[in-house]
N, C-alpha and C. Protein backbone atom coordinates (compact mmCIF):
# COMPACT_ATOMS: atom_id res chain seq x y z
N MET A 1 80.36 293.60 97.88
CA MET A 1 80.75 293.03 99.36
C MET A 1 82.82 292.10 99.40
N GLU A 2 83.28 292.47 100.43
CA GLU A 2 84.39 292.24 100.62
C GLU A 2 84.68 291.01 100.08
N SER A 3 85.69 290.51 99.37
CA SER A 3 85.81 289.02 99.43
C SER A 3 86.58 288.05 101.15
N GLN A 4 85.89 286.97 100.81
CA GLN A 4 86.54 285.93 102.57
C GLN A 4 88.23 285.87 102.64
N LYS A 5 88.84 286.80 102.83
CA LYS A 5 90.43 286.27 103.23
C LYS A 5 90.62 285.22 104.01
N ILE A 6 91.39 284.32 103.50
CA ILE A 6 92.00 282.72 103.87
C ILE A 6 92.95 282.96 104.23
N TYR A 7 94.08 282.56 105.35
CA TYR A 7 95.16 282.01 105.65
C TYR A 7 95.34 281.17 105.55
N ILE A 8 97.04 280.72 105.05
CA ILE A 8 96.84 279.26 105.08
C ILE A 8 98.46 279.12 105.78
N PHE A 9 97.95 277.67 106.63
CA PHE A 9 99.63 277.45 107.40
C PHE A 9 100.10 276.11 106.59
N SER A 10 101.23 276.16 106.00
CA SER A 10 101.74 274.47 105.63
C SER A 10 101.80 273.58 106.88
N GLY A 11 101.95 272.49 106.45
CA GLY A 11 102.74 271.46 106.99
C GLY A 11 103.54 271.79 107.47
N LEU A 12 104.41 270.60 108.11
CA LEU A 12 106.11 270.07 109.29
C LEU A 12 106.43 269.68 107.73
N GLY A 13 107.80 269.82 107.38
CA GLY A 13 108.27 269.46 106.03
C GLY A 13 107.33 269.92 105.08
N ALA A 14 106.76 271.16 104.75
CA ALA A 14 105.97 270.95 103.79
C ALA A 14 105.69 272.55 103.93
N ASP A 15 105.93 273.58 102.73
CA ASP A 15 105.78 275.12 102.58
C ASP A 15 104.64 275.29 101.04
N GLU A 16 104.24 276.13 100.99
CA GLU A 16 103.19 276.64 99.95
C GLU A 16 102.93 275.29 98.77
N ARG A 17 104.61 274.55 98.36
CA ARG A 17 104.65 274.04 97.47
C ARG A 17 103.31 272.54 97.32
N ALA A 18 103.59 272.91 98.83
CA ALA A 18 102.49 271.32 98.76
C ALA A 18 100.80 271.77 98.70
N PHE A 19 100.50 272.95 98.43
CA PHE A 19 99.33 273.24 97.70
C PHE A 19 99.25 273.95 96.33
N GLN A 20 100.11 273.74 95.67
CA GLN A 20 99.78 273.99 94.10
C GLN A 20 99.03 273.12 93.05
N ASN A 21 97.96 271.84 93.71
CA ASN A 21 97.03 271.56 92.79
C ASN A 21 96.68 271.91 93.46
N LEU A 22 95.91 272.80 94.29
CA LEU A 22 94.60 272.59 94.04
C LEU A 22 94.27 273.98 94.20
N ASP A 23 92.97 274.07 93.79
CA ASP A 23 92.03 275.04 93.18
C ASP A 23 91.63 276.40 93.84
N PHE A 24 92.40 277.67 94.24
CA PHE A 24 91.86 278.60 94.95
C PHE A 24 91.90 280.11 93.77
N SER A 25 90.99 279.72 92.74
CA SER A 25 91.00 280.57 91.59
C SER A 25 89.78 281.68 92.45
N GLY A 26 89.65 282.91 92.53
CA GLY A 26 88.57 283.95 92.98
C GLY A 26 88.83 284.00 94.44
N LEU A 27 89.63 283.19 95.24
CA LEU A 27 89.90 283.12 96.54
C LEU A 27 91.11 284.29 96.90
N ASP A 28 90.23 284.84 98.17
CA ASP A 28 91.52 285.92 98.71
C ASP A 28 92.57 285.38 99.70
N ILE A 29 93.70 284.43 99.35
CA ILE A 29 94.22 283.93 100.03
C ILE A 29 95.63 284.33 100.39
N GLN A 30 96.68 283.89 101.57
CA GLN A 30 97.58 284.80 101.46
C GLN A 30 98.71 283.27 102.77
N HIS A 31 99.73 283.01 102.14
CA HIS A 31 100.34 281.45 102.88
C HIS A 31 101.31 282.41 104.01
N ILE A 32 101.21 282.17 104.76
CA ILE A 32 101.69 282.55 106.31
C ILE A 32 103.07 281.74 106.70
N LYS A 33 104.26 282.66 106.59
CA LYS A 33 105.75 282.52 106.38
C LYS A 33 105.88 281.54 107.57
N TRP A 34 106.78 280.75 108.02
CA TRP A 34 107.21 280.42 109.12
C TRP A 34 108.75 281.04 109.49
N LEU A 35 108.85 281.19 111.07
CA LEU A 35 109.91 282.13 111.18
C LEU A 35 110.50 281.26 112.16
N GLU A 36 111.46 281.68 112.48
CA GLU A 36 112.95 280.61 113.19
C GLU A 36 112.22 280.62 114.57
N PRO A 37 111.89 279.81 115.42
CA PRO A 37 111.55 279.28 116.61
C PRO A 37 112.73 279.81 117.68
N GLY A 38 112.23 279.97 118.59
CA GLY A 38 113.47 281.05 119.46
C GLY A 38 113.79 279.99 120.39
N HIS A 39 114.76 280.38 121.38
CA HIS A 39 114.65 278.97 121.89
C HIS A 39 114.17 278.99 123.13
N ALA A 40 113.87 277.46 123.54
CA ALA A 40 112.57 276.87 124.12
C ALA A 40 111.11 277.91 124.33
N GLU A 41 110.75 278.62 123.06
CA GLU A 41 110.08 279.25 122.70
C GLU A 41 108.62 278.05 122.91
N SER A 42 107.51 278.70 123.54
CA SER A 42 105.76 277.29 123.78
C SER A 42 105.40 277.73 122.06
N ILE A 43 104.55 276.89 121.73
CA ILE A 43 104.44 277.01 120.77
C ILE A 43 103.31 277.61 120.84
N SER A 44 102.46 278.67 122.06
CA SER A 44 101.76 279.24 122.51
C SER A 44 102.42 280.71 121.85
N GLN A 45 103.61 280.61 122.10
CA GLN A 45 103.98 282.15 121.82
C GLN A 45 104.48 281.93 121.04
N TYR A 46 104.56 281.14 119.80
CA TYR A 46 105.22 281.37 118.46
C TYR A 46 104.16 280.99 118.01
N ALA A 47 102.39 281.09 118.09
CA ALA A 47 101.20 281.24 117.34
C ALA A 47 101.21 282.58 117.45
N LYS A 48 101.46 283.41 118.19
CA LYS A 48 101.01 284.32 118.95
C LYS A 48 102.07 285.52 117.96
N ARG A 49 103.18 285.26 117.37
CA ARG A 49 104.32 286.22 116.57
C ARG A 49 103.87 285.79 115.08
N LEU A 50 103.06 284.78 114.75
CA LEU A 50 102.34 284.41 113.35
C LEU A 50 101.68 285.25 113.48
N THR A 51 101.01 285.63 114.64
CA THR A 51 99.09 286.42 114.23
C THR A 51 99.92 287.93 113.52
N LEU A 52 100.96 288.38 113.82
CA LEU A 52 101.44 289.51 113.21
C LEU A 52 101.22 289.32 111.89
N GLN A 53 100.84 288.30 111.10
CA GLN A 53 101.32 288.08 109.65
C GLN A 53 99.59 288.15 109.79
N ILE A 54 98.98 288.38 110.63
CA ILE A 54 97.21 288.16 110.16
C ILE A 54 96.63 289.74 109.96
N ALA A 55 96.06 290.39 109.39
CA ALA A 55 96.11 291.84 109.24
C ALA A 55 94.50 291.86 109.32
N ASP A 56 93.30 290.73 109.23
CA ASP A 56 92.21 290.97 108.61
C ASP A 56 90.77 290.58 109.40
N GLU A 57 90.16 291.21 110.13
CA GLU A 57 88.99 290.44 111.04
C GLU A 57 88.32 289.12 110.68
N LYS A 58 88.67 288.52 111.65
CA LYS A 58 87.72 287.35 111.28
C LYS A 58 87.50 286.38 109.89
N PRO A 59 89.13 285.93 109.86
CA PRO A 59 89.31 284.75 108.82
C PRO A 59 89.57 283.72 108.73
N VAL A 60 89.53 282.93 107.74
CA VAL A 60 89.22 281.35 108.07
C VAL A 60 90.73 281.02 107.89
N LEU A 61 91.22 279.98 108.16
CA LEU A 61 92.49 279.84 108.37
C LEU A 61 92.49 278.20 107.91
N ILE A 62 93.14 277.96 106.76
CA ILE A 62 93.60 276.70 106.74
C ILE A 62 95.31 276.28 107.33
N GLY A 63 94.46 274.91 107.94
CA GLY A 63 95.93 274.11 108.30
C GLY A 63 96.10 272.78 107.93
N LEU A 64 97.79 272.75 106.97
CA LEU A 64 98.10 271.32 106.75
C LEU A 64 98.54 270.60 108.13
N SER A 65 97.87 269.79 108.11
CA SER A 65 99.51 268.91 109.18
C SER A 65 99.80 269.26 110.44
N PHE A 66 100.66 269.59 111.01
CA PHE A 66 101.52 270.72 112.05
C PHE A 66 100.81 272.37 111.83
N GLY A 67 100.67 272.51 109.97
CA GLY A 67 100.22 274.25 110.19
C GLY A 67 99.27 273.99 111.13
N GLY A 68 97.60 272.62 110.75
CA GLY A 68 96.19 273.08 111.63
C GLY A 68 96.60 272.89 112.99
N ILE A 69 97.73 272.59 113.87
CA ILE A 69 97.66 272.43 114.96
C ILE A 69 98.14 273.87 115.48
N ILE A 70 99.00 274.63 114.55
CA ILE A 70 99.46 275.92 114.81
C ILE A 70 97.99 276.42 114.21
N ALA A 71 97.20 276.46 113.30
CA ALA A 71 96.27 277.75 113.58
C ALA A 71 95.63 277.67 114.75
N LEU A 72 94.85 276.52 115.10
CA LEU A 72 94.56 276.33 116.43
C LEU A 72 94.60 277.18 117.18
N GLU A 73 96.03 277.15 117.51
CA GLU A 73 96.93 277.59 118.28
C GLU A 73 96.76 279.96 117.87
N VAL A 74 97.00 279.45 116.91
CA VAL A 74 96.61 281.18 116.17
C VAL A 74 95.50 281.79 116.60
N ALA A 75 94.43 280.75 116.38
CA ALA A 75 92.96 281.24 117.04
C ALA A 75 93.06 280.99 118.45
N LYS A 76 93.58 281.75 119.18
CA LYS A 76 93.43 281.32 120.54
C LYS A 76 93.74 282.47 120.96
N HIS A 77 94.45 283.45 119.96
CA HIS A 77 94.72 284.93 120.16
C HIS A 77 93.87 285.84 118.92
N VAL A 78 93.39 285.56 118.13
CA VAL A 78 92.80 285.94 117.70
C VAL A 78 91.45 285.44 116.94
N ALA A 79 89.89 286.50 116.47
CA ALA A 79 89.12 285.93 116.39
C ALA A 79 89.24 285.33 114.84
N VAL A 80 88.42 284.38 114.88
CA VAL A 80 88.94 283.65 113.53
C VAL A 80 87.38 283.31 112.95
N LYS A 81 86.99 282.98 111.78
CA LYS A 81 85.52 282.23 111.52
C LYS A 81 85.46 281.12 111.61
N ARG A 82 86.30 280.99 110.76
CA ARG A 82 86.76 278.89 111.01
C ARG A 82 87.96 278.52 110.69
N ILE A 83 88.21 277.34 111.22
CA ILE A 83 89.63 276.78 110.99
C ILE A 83 89.46 275.59 110.06
N ILE A 84 90.11 274.94 109.05
CA ILE A 84 89.81 273.83 107.94
C ILE A 84 90.96 273.39 108.39
N LEU A 85 91.06 272.00 108.95
CA LEU A 85 91.71 271.10 108.95
C LEU A 85 92.34 270.14 107.59
N LEU A 86 93.30 270.13 107.76
CA LEU A 86 93.70 268.91 106.18
C LEU A 86 94.97 267.81 106.89
N SER A 87 94.47 267.49 106.92
CA SER A 87 95.10 266.38 107.48
C SER A 87 96.63 266.20 108.85
N SER A 88 95.24 266.81 109.77
CA SER A 88 95.58 267.48 111.15
C SER A 88 94.80 266.67 112.16
N ALA A 89 95.02 267.74 113.05
CA ALA A 89 94.43 267.31 114.36
C ALA A 89 93.61 267.84 115.47
N LYS A 90 93.03 267.84 115.80
CA LYS A 90 92.31 269.25 116.78
C LYS A 90 92.45 269.20 117.64
N ASN A 91 93.22 268.14 119.10
CA ASN A 91 93.33 268.37 119.70
C ASN A 91 94.48 267.32 120.77
N LYS A 92 94.72 267.21 121.42
CA LYS A 92 96.20 266.05 122.54
C LYS A 92 95.52 264.87 122.16
N TYR A 93 93.99 264.00 122.42
CA TYR A 93 94.25 263.15 121.77
C TYR A 93 94.00 262.81 120.72
N GLU A 94 93.89 263.51 119.28
CA GLU A 94 93.87 263.10 117.99
C GLU A 94 95.21 262.80 117.92
N ILE A 95 96.70 263.01 118.14
CA ILE A 95 97.93 262.56 117.94
C ILE A 95 98.33 261.33 119.06
N PRO A 96 98.39 260.60 117.95
CA PRO A 96 99.05 259.14 118.73
C PRO A 96 99.86 258.92 119.98
N SER A 97 99.50 258.15 121.07
CA SER A 97 99.68 258.09 122.04
C SER A 97 100.87 257.89 121.61
N TYR A 98 101.47 257.56 120.73
CA TYR A 98 103.34 257.14 120.08
C TYR A 98 103.78 257.90 120.03
N TYR A 99 103.39 258.65 119.93
CA TYR A 99 104.21 259.84 119.81
C TYR A 99 104.46 260.80 120.75
N ARG A 100 103.44 260.71 121.58
CA ARG A 100 103.25 261.11 122.99
C ARG A 100 104.45 260.59 124.13
N LEU A 101 104.74 259.35 123.89
CA LEU A 101 105.76 258.91 124.75
C LEU A 101 106.90 258.85 124.27
N ALA A 102 107.04 258.86 122.60
CA ALA A 102 108.27 259.09 121.99
C ALA A 102 108.85 260.73 122.43
N GLY A 103 107.65 261.77 121.91
CA GLY A 103 108.26 263.02 122.64
C GLY A 103 108.27 263.18 124.74
N LYS A 104 108.02 262.63 125.25
CA LYS A 104 108.74 262.15 126.76
C LYS A 104 109.87 261.37 127.16
N MET A 105 110.14 260.53 125.63
CA MET A 105 111.56 260.39 126.15
C MET A 105 112.38 260.83 125.09
N ARG A 106 111.92 262.34 124.47
CA ARG A 106 112.88 262.84 123.58
C ARG A 106 113.64 261.90 122.93
N LEU A 107 112.95 260.79 122.18
CA LEU A 107 113.49 260.65 121.16
C LEU A 107 113.96 261.05 119.95
N HIS A 108 113.14 262.25 119.70
CA HIS A 108 113.20 263.02 117.96
C HIS A 108 114.41 263.74 118.56
N PHE A 109 115.43 263.99 119.57
CA PHE A 109 116.70 264.54 119.72
C PHE A 109 117.26 263.66 119.59
N LEU A 110 117.35 262.23 119.48
CA LEU A 110 118.13 261.19 119.22
C LEU A 110 117.84 261.16 117.61
N LEU A 111 117.00 261.08 116.74
CA LEU A 111 117.27 261.10 114.99
C LEU A 111 117.80 261.81 114.34
N PRO A 112 119.09 261.39 113.95
CA PRO A 112 119.52 262.32 112.93
C PRO A 112 118.76 263.03 111.68
N THR A 113 118.54 264.73 112.13
CA THR A 113 117.87 265.03 110.87
C THR A 113 117.76 265.01 109.69
N ARG A 114 119.19 264.52 109.34
CA ARG A 114 119.22 263.79 107.58
C ARG A 114 118.54 263.05 107.29
N LEU A 115 118.02 262.12 108.13
CA LEU A 115 117.13 260.86 107.91
C LEU A 115 116.01 261.77 107.84
N LEU A 116 115.29 262.11 108.91
CA LEU A 116 113.79 262.72 108.47
C LEU A 116 113.69 263.58 107.76
N LYS A 117 114.34 264.26 107.02
CA LYS A 117 114.65 265.16 106.07
C LYS A 117 115.27 264.63 104.63
N LYS A 118 115.03 263.28 104.51
CA LYS A 118 115.45 262.62 103.40
C LYS A 118 114.36 261.57 102.99
N GLY A 119 114.64 262.04 101.35
CA GLY A 119 113.56 261.29 100.16
C GLY A 119 113.42 260.23 100.35
N ASN A 120 113.34 259.52 101.11
CA ASN A 120 113.27 257.16 100.75
C ASN A 120 111.69 256.71 100.71
N TRP A 121 111.88 255.63 100.42
CA TRP A 121 110.48 254.62 100.71
C TRP A 121 109.96 254.87 101.78
N ILE A 122 110.51 254.92 102.95
CA ILE A 122 110.01 255.61 104.33
C ILE A 122 109.36 256.59 104.26
N ASN A 123 109.37 257.51 103.87
CA ASN A 123 108.82 258.62 103.94
C ASN A 123 107.84 259.32 102.41
N PHE A 124 108.22 258.43 101.62
CA PHE A 124 107.22 258.47 100.14
C PHE A 124 106.19 257.64 101.25
N TRP A 125 106.45 256.49 102.24
CA TRP A 125 104.93 255.42 102.19
C TRP A 125 104.37 256.70 103.31
N LEU A 126 104.76 257.30 104.35
CA LEU A 126 104.35 258.35 105.12
C LEU A 126 103.44 259.12 104.89
N PHE A 127 104.47 260.05 103.57
CA PHE A 127 103.18 261.08 102.81
C PHE A 127 102.04 260.45 101.57
N GLY A 128 102.32 259.19 101.72
CA GLY A 128 101.21 258.88 100.62
C GLY A 128 101.56 259.43 99.37
N THR A 129 102.63 259.05 98.86
CA THR A 129 103.13 259.85 97.19
C THR A 129 102.87 258.67 96.51
N ARG A 130 102.23 258.60 95.15
CA ARG A 130 101.69 257.75 94.39
C ARG A 130 102.73 257.30 93.08
N THR A 131 103.39 259.24 92.70
CA THR A 131 103.40 259.19 91.97
C THR A 131 105.57 260.01 91.60
N PHE A 132 106.04 259.51 90.94
CA PHE A 132 107.51 260.38 90.44
C PHE A 132 107.33 261.50 90.98
N ALA A 133 106.57 262.49 90.48
CA ALA A 133 106.55 263.92 90.24
C ALA A 133 106.29 264.43 91.88
N GLU A 134 105.11 263.60 92.64
CA GLU A 134 104.62 264.04 94.13
C GLU A 134 105.73 263.73 94.78
N ARG A 135 106.51 262.36 94.49
CA ARG A 135 108.21 261.94 94.87
C ARG A 135 109.01 263.09 95.23
N LYS A 136 109.61 263.48 93.97
CA LYS A 136 110.33 264.82 93.25
C LYS A 136 110.06 265.86 94.96
N LEU A 137 108.97 266.39 94.26
CA LEU A 137 107.99 267.15 95.28
C LEU A 137 108.68 267.44 96.63
N LEU A 138 108.44 265.74 97.35
CA LEU A 138 108.26 265.61 98.40
C LEU A 138 109.92 265.68 99.27
N LYS A 139 110.65 265.28 98.44
CA LYS A 139 112.15 265.12 98.03
C LYS A 139 112.36 267.02 98.68
N GLU A 140 112.29 267.37 97.09
CA GLU A 140 112.52 269.66 97.69
C GLU A 140 111.92 269.89 98.72
N ILE A 141 111.52 269.55 99.40
CA ILE A 141 110.26 270.09 100.21
C ILE A 141 111.21 269.46 101.36
N LEU A 142 111.16 268.34 101.93
CA LEU A 142 112.20 267.61 102.79
C LEU A 142 113.59 268.16 103.26
N LYS A 143 114.13 268.79 101.62
CA LYS A 143 115.74 269.23 102.09
C LYS A 143 115.44 270.68 102.32
N ASP A 144 114.53 270.96 101.47
CA ASP A 144 114.45 272.58 101.90
C ASP A 144 113.91 272.64 103.97
N THR A 145 113.52 272.14 104.00
CA THR A 145 113.03 271.73 106.02
C THR A 145 114.23 272.44 106.46
N ASP A 146 113.97 273.36 106.87
CA ASP A 146 115.26 274.15 108.44
C ASP A 146 115.06 272.54 109.41
N SER A 147 116.14 272.36 109.59
CA SER A 147 116.64 271.57 110.58
C SER A 147 116.18 271.77 112.26
N ALA A 148 116.51 273.19 112.50
CA ALA A 148 115.87 273.35 113.80
C ALA A 148 114.57 273.72 114.07
N PHE A 149 114.03 273.71 113.04
CA PHE A 149 112.98 274.02 113.11
C PHE A 149 111.79 272.68 113.24
N LEU A 150 112.37 271.74 112.46
CA LEU A 150 111.89 270.03 112.45
C LEU A 150 111.84 269.54 113.75
N ARG A 151 113.27 270.52 114.63
CA ARG A 151 113.29 269.86 116.03
C ARG A 151 112.48 270.42 117.14
N TRP A 152 111.76 271.04 116.75
CA TRP A 152 111.66 272.02 117.19
C TRP A 152 109.82 271.68 117.37
N ALA A 153 109.78 271.36 115.77
CA ALA A 153 107.98 271.38 116.18
C ALA A 153 107.93 269.92 116.14
N LEU A 154 108.32 268.63 115.99
CA LEU A 154 108.48 267.39 116.42
C LEU A 154 108.07 267.40 117.99
N GLN A 155 108.67 268.40 119.22
CA GLN A 155 108.74 268.63 120.13
C GLN A 155 107.38 268.65 120.74
N GLN A 156 106.79 269.87 119.96
CA GLN A 156 106.14 270.84 120.05
C GLN A 156 105.06 269.79 119.86
N ILE A 157 104.29 268.79 118.67
CA ILE A 157 103.75 267.82 118.44
C ILE A 157 103.32 266.89 119.99
N SER A 158 104.31 266.40 120.09
CA SER A 158 104.40 265.15 120.77
C SER A 158 103.90 265.74 122.39
N ASN A 159 104.17 267.27 122.57
CA ASN A 159 104.08 267.47 124.19
C ASN A 159 102.50 268.73 123.63
N TRP A 160 101.88 268.68 123.13
CA TRP A 160 100.62 269.69 122.85
C TRP A 160 99.39 268.73 123.48
N ASP A 161 99.02 269.77 124.31
CA ASP A 161 98.05 269.67 125.04
C ASP A 161 96.80 269.90 125.28
N ASN A 162 96.71 270.78 123.92
CA ASN A 162 95.61 271.13 123.80
C ASN A 162 93.97 270.87 124.35
N GLU A 163 92.80 270.75 124.40
CA GLU A 163 91.67 270.30 124.64
C GLU A 163 90.74 271.09 123.98
N ALA A 164 91.38 272.70 123.42
CA ALA A 164 89.94 273.24 123.21
C ALA A 164 89.76 273.49 121.48
N VAL A 165 88.40 273.55 121.56
CA VAL A 165 88.41 274.27 120.13
C VAL A 165 87.58 275.40 120.12
N PRO A 166 88.99 276.67 119.89
CA PRO A 166 88.32 278.00 119.92
C PRO A 166 87.14 279.00 118.56
N CYS A 167 86.79 277.89 117.82
CA CYS A 167 86.11 278.74 116.93
C CYS A 167 85.41 276.74 116.00
N PRO A 168 84.63 277.47 115.32
CA PRO A 168 84.25 276.28 114.24
C PRO A 168 85.66 275.45 113.31
N ILE A 169 85.22 274.63 113.62
CA ILE A 169 85.88 273.43 112.95
C ILE A 169 85.46 272.67 111.46
N ALA A 170 86.08 272.40 110.24
CA ALA A 170 85.71 271.56 109.48
C ALA A 170 86.99 270.72 109.14
N HIS A 171 87.11 269.63 109.67
CA HIS A 171 88.26 268.60 109.04
C HIS A 171 88.34 267.64 108.36
N LEU A 172 89.25 267.69 107.35
CA LEU A 172 89.33 266.59 106.01
C LEU A 172 90.68 265.86 105.81
N HIS A 173 90.16 264.36 106.38
CA HIS A 173 90.99 263.15 106.85
C HIS A 173 91.17 262.13 105.72
N GLY A 174 91.94 262.03 105.21
CA GLY A 174 92.42 260.61 104.91
C GLY A 174 92.28 259.65 105.46
N THR A 175 92.10 258.45 104.66
CA THR A 175 91.29 257.08 105.83
C THR A 175 93.04 256.34 105.65
N LYS A 176 93.99 256.19 104.68
CA LYS A 176 95.12 256.18 104.94
C LYS A 176 96.52 257.04 104.90
N ASP A 177 95.65 258.06 105.81
CA ASP A 177 96.88 258.35 106.63
C ASP A 177 98.09 257.88 107.45
N HIS A 178 99.33 257.55 106.93
CA HIS A 178 100.17 257.06 107.76
C HIS A 178 100.86 257.71 109.01
N ILE A 179 100.70 259.21 109.34
CA ILE A 179 100.94 260.07 109.66
C ILE A 179 100.12 260.16 110.86
N LEU A 180 98.83 260.76 110.60
CA LEU A 180 97.95 260.41 111.72
C LEU A 180 96.85 259.82 111.22
N PRO A 181 96.85 257.97 112.12
CA PRO A 181 96.15 258.07 111.38
C PRO A 181 94.65 257.94 111.97
N ILE A 182 93.59 257.69 110.85
CA ILE A 182 92.18 258.09 110.98
C ILE A 182 91.74 257.58 112.38
N ARG A 183 92.08 256.43 112.59
CA ARG A 183 91.57 255.95 113.96
C ARG A 183 91.21 256.57 114.70
N PHE A 184 92.32 257.80 115.24
CA PHE A 184 92.83 258.42 116.60
C PHE A 184 92.52 259.05 116.03
N VAL A 185 91.19 260.10 115.13
CA VAL A 185 90.80 261.30 115.19
C VAL A 185 88.86 261.13 114.83
N LYS A 186 88.28 262.43 115.22
CA LYS A 186 87.02 261.93 115.60
C LYS A 186 86.38 263.23 114.60
N ASP A 187 85.12 263.22 114.50
CA ASP A 187 84.20 264.04 113.53
C ASP A 187 85.38 264.96 112.73
N VAL A 188 85.19 263.85 111.46
CA VAL A 188 85.65 264.21 110.36
C VAL A 188 85.19 264.45 108.70
N THR A 189 85.44 264.90 108.43
CA THR A 189 84.59 264.20 106.73
C THR A 189 85.92 263.53 105.95
N VAL A 190 86.17 262.51 105.29
CA VAL A 190 86.79 261.80 104.94
C VAL A 190 87.01 261.11 103.41
N ILE A 191 88.09 261.01 102.94
CA ILE A 191 88.61 260.56 101.61
C ILE A 191 89.01 259.48 102.45
N ASN A 192 88.12 258.59 101.45
CA ASN A 192 88.62 256.96 101.12
C ASN A 192 89.93 257.04 100.04
N GLY A 193 90.95 255.87 100.68
CA GLY A 193 92.38 256.51 100.30
C GLY A 193 92.99 257.17 100.66
N GLY A 194 92.39 258.56 100.79
CA GLY A 194 93.36 259.63 100.82
C GLY A 194 94.77 259.51 102.18
N GLY A 195 95.64 259.88 101.19
CA GLY A 195 96.78 259.64 102.55
C GLY A 195 97.52 261.21 102.89
N HIS A 196 98.85 261.37 103.39
CA HIS A 196 98.98 262.59 104.36
C HIS A 196 98.97 263.54 103.08
N LEU A 197 99.17 263.26 102.24
CA LEU A 197 99.28 264.81 101.42
C LEU A 197 98.70 264.58 100.10
N MET A 198 97.10 264.52 100.55
CA MET A 198 95.72 264.29 99.94
C MET A 198 95.84 265.42 99.25
N VAL A 199 96.40 266.73 99.43
CA VAL A 199 96.37 267.71 98.71
C VAL A 199 96.83 268.02 97.71
N LEU A 200 97.79 266.82 97.40
CA LEU A 200 98.54 267.07 96.25
C LEU A 200 97.46 265.68 95.23
N ASN A 201 96.95 264.35 95.71
CA ASN A 201 96.85 263.66 95.02
C ASN A 201 95.11 263.18 94.87
N GLU A 202 95.07 264.24 95.61
CA GLU A 202 92.92 264.14 95.68
C GLU A 202 92.64 265.76 95.75
N ALA A 203 93.28 266.06 94.97
CA ALA A 203 93.38 268.09 95.62
C ALA A 203 91.73 268.62 94.49
N HIS A 204 91.50 267.86 93.58
CA HIS A 204 89.49 268.14 93.62
C HIS A 204 89.10 267.89 94.69
N GLN A 205 88.89 266.50 95.72
CA GLN A 205 87.72 266.54 96.48
C GLN A 205 88.41 267.82 97.47
N VAL A 206 89.64 268.20 97.50
CA VAL A 206 89.93 269.10 98.74
C VAL A 206 89.39 270.02 98.44
N SER A 207 89.64 270.44 97.20
CA SER A 207 89.36 272.04 96.71
C SER A 207 87.88 272.16 97.05
N GLN A 208 87.12 270.82 97.23
CA GLN A 208 85.49 271.56 97.09
C GLN A 208 85.16 271.52 98.51
N PHE A 209 85.88 270.75 99.31
CA PHE A 209 85.45 270.96 100.94
C PHE A 209 85.94 272.00 101.26
N ILE A 210 87.04 272.90 100.57
CA ILE A 210 87.54 273.52 101.68
C ILE A 210 86.62 275.03 100.72
N ARG A 211 86.18 274.87 99.79
CA ARG A 211 85.11 276.10 98.69
C ARG A 211 83.58 275.54 99.88
N ARG A 212 83.55 274.56 99.83
CA ARG A 212 81.79 274.48 100.64
C ARG A 212 82.00 274.63 102.40
N ASN A 213 82.91 274.84 102.36
CA ASN A 213 83.07 275.70 104.22
C ASN A 213 84.10 276.59 104.35
N ILE A 214 83.83 277.71 103.07
CA ILE A 214 84.76 278.70 104.10
C ILE A 214 83.68 279.63 104.42
């Protein structure tokens, strides 16, 4: 019997390094590579381009944060078995209202990207890093994040209007997530004390959740 193919979507301001502590041994995984967004490209159009990286039928998609939002949009273009969301949102109602307000006011265009990409105590708190090694990794990931992609993604998040659930969803969320607070999220399995980057510091629990839901 062929193994289940799993495609992984990393988060905004993150890449596959964020998953380095997870146990994927014995699993057939592939990390989706972010593409440069086109001028005025919608999230649906962008997701459709990403489907070119998916060659298998009925795969499982894993999405971290913004990657979960993209995975949901991808599932509108290709049939998938299930989506596993980590520190993410299933629909527009799980995006904090103040993000949507900021998007309407286009505040993300006023913020210097160098501040968003900088490793500082604000970002360390937002992402829930706990150790020097985690802070060092986050600083490296943020530094490597493309500024144009960052602005585009922030706009997509704040304007995301999804209400549909195109396939079965398994959603894992931390109770101390400061970026997507748990009070906005429904129908989830929780990790008590988990932050937005619980894939790093709660890797054992996250790995178990993934394996239970493949």
